[in-house]
Amino acid sequence: MFPPYKVKTTGLDKRAKYILLMDIVAADDCRYKFHNSR
């Protein structure tokens, strides 16, 4: 349902652990219902 999302990071400590978060927000107030790719 969602397109692929690629992230490239540089300059981080290789020994440290990181968490990457992404917040997806609706573009409008409409709700869409899909059935059989329609």
C-alpha atoms as a PDB file:
ATOM      1  CA  MET A   1       0.000   0.000   0.000  1.00  0.00           C
ATOM      2  CA  PHE A   2       2.865   2.371   0.755  1.00  0.00           C
ATOM      3  CA  PRO A   3       5.681   3.117  -1.691  1.00  0.00           C
ATOM      4  CA  PRO A   4       9.211   2.093  -0.697  1.00  0.00           C
ATOM      5  CA  TYR A   5      11.114   4.617   1.392  1.00  0.00           C
ATOM      6  CA  LYS A   6      14.918   4.644   1.361  1.00  0.00           C
ATOM      7  CA  VAL A   7      17.077   6.433   3.904  1.00  0.00           C
ATOM      8  CA  LYS A   8      20.833   6.918   3.728  1.00  0.00           C
ATOM      9  CA  THR A   9      22.679   8.112   6.808  1.00  0.00           C
ATOM     10  CA  THR A  10      26.309   9.140   7.146  1.00  0.00           C
ATOM     11  CA  GLY A  11      28.574  10.154   9.987  1.00  0.00           C
ATOM     12  CA  LEU A  12      26.989   7.930  12.654  1.00  0.00           C
ATOM     13  CA  ASP A  13      28.921   5.934  15.235  1.00  0.00           C
ATOM     14  CA  LYS A  14      29.105   2.309  14.036  1.00  0.00           C
ATOM     15  CA  ARG A  15      29.142   1.004  17.620  1.00  0.00           C
ATOM     16  CA  ALA A  16      26.033   2.933  18.696  1.00  0.00           C
ATOM     17  CA  LYS A  17      22.437   1.815  18.247  1.00  0.00           C
ATOM     18  CA  TYR A  18      19.955   4.132  16.575  1.00  0.00           C
ATOM     19  CA  ILE A  19      16.203   4.129  16.019  1.00  0.00           C
ATOM     20  CA  LEU A  20      14.684   5.712  12.921  1.00  0.00           C
ATOM     21  CA  LEU A  21      11.017   6.711  13.204  1.00  0.00           C
ATOM     22  CA  MET A  22       8.649   7.859  10.478  1.00  0.00           C
ATOM     23  CA  ASP A  23       5.231   9.379  11.136  1.00  0.00           C
ATOM     24  CA  ILE A  24       2.638   8.875   8.381  1.00  0.00           C
ATOM     25  CA  VAL A  25      -0.074  11.534   8.358  1.00  0.00           C
ATOM     26  CA  ALA A  26      -3.266  11.433   6.294  1.00  0.00           C
ATOM     27  CA  ALA A  27      -3.361  13.969   3.461  1.00  0.00           C
ATOM     28  CA  ASP A  28      -7.086  14.627   3.937  1.00  0.00           C
ATOM     29  CA  ASP A  29     -10.038  13.608   6.112  1.00  0.00           C
ATOM     30  CA  CYS A  30     -11.473  11.172   3.555  1.00  0.00           C
ATOM     31  CA  ARG A  31     -11.296   7.450   4.215  1.00  0.00           C
ATOM     32  CA  TYR A  32     -10.675   5.243   1.231  1.00  0.00           C
ATOM     33  CA  LYS A  33     -11.800   1.634   0.950  1.00  0.00           C
ATOM     34  CA  PHE A  34     -10.187  -0.636  -1.609  1.00  0.00           C
ATOM     35  CA  HIS A  35     -11.604  -3.968  -2.685  1.00  0.00           C
ATOM     36  CA  ASN A  36      -9.900  -6.173  -5.286  1.00  0.00           C
ATOM     37  CA  SER A  37      -7.505  -3.345  -6.255  1.00  0.00           C
ATOM     38  CA  ARG A  38     -10.367  -0.921  -7.008  1.00  0.00           C
END
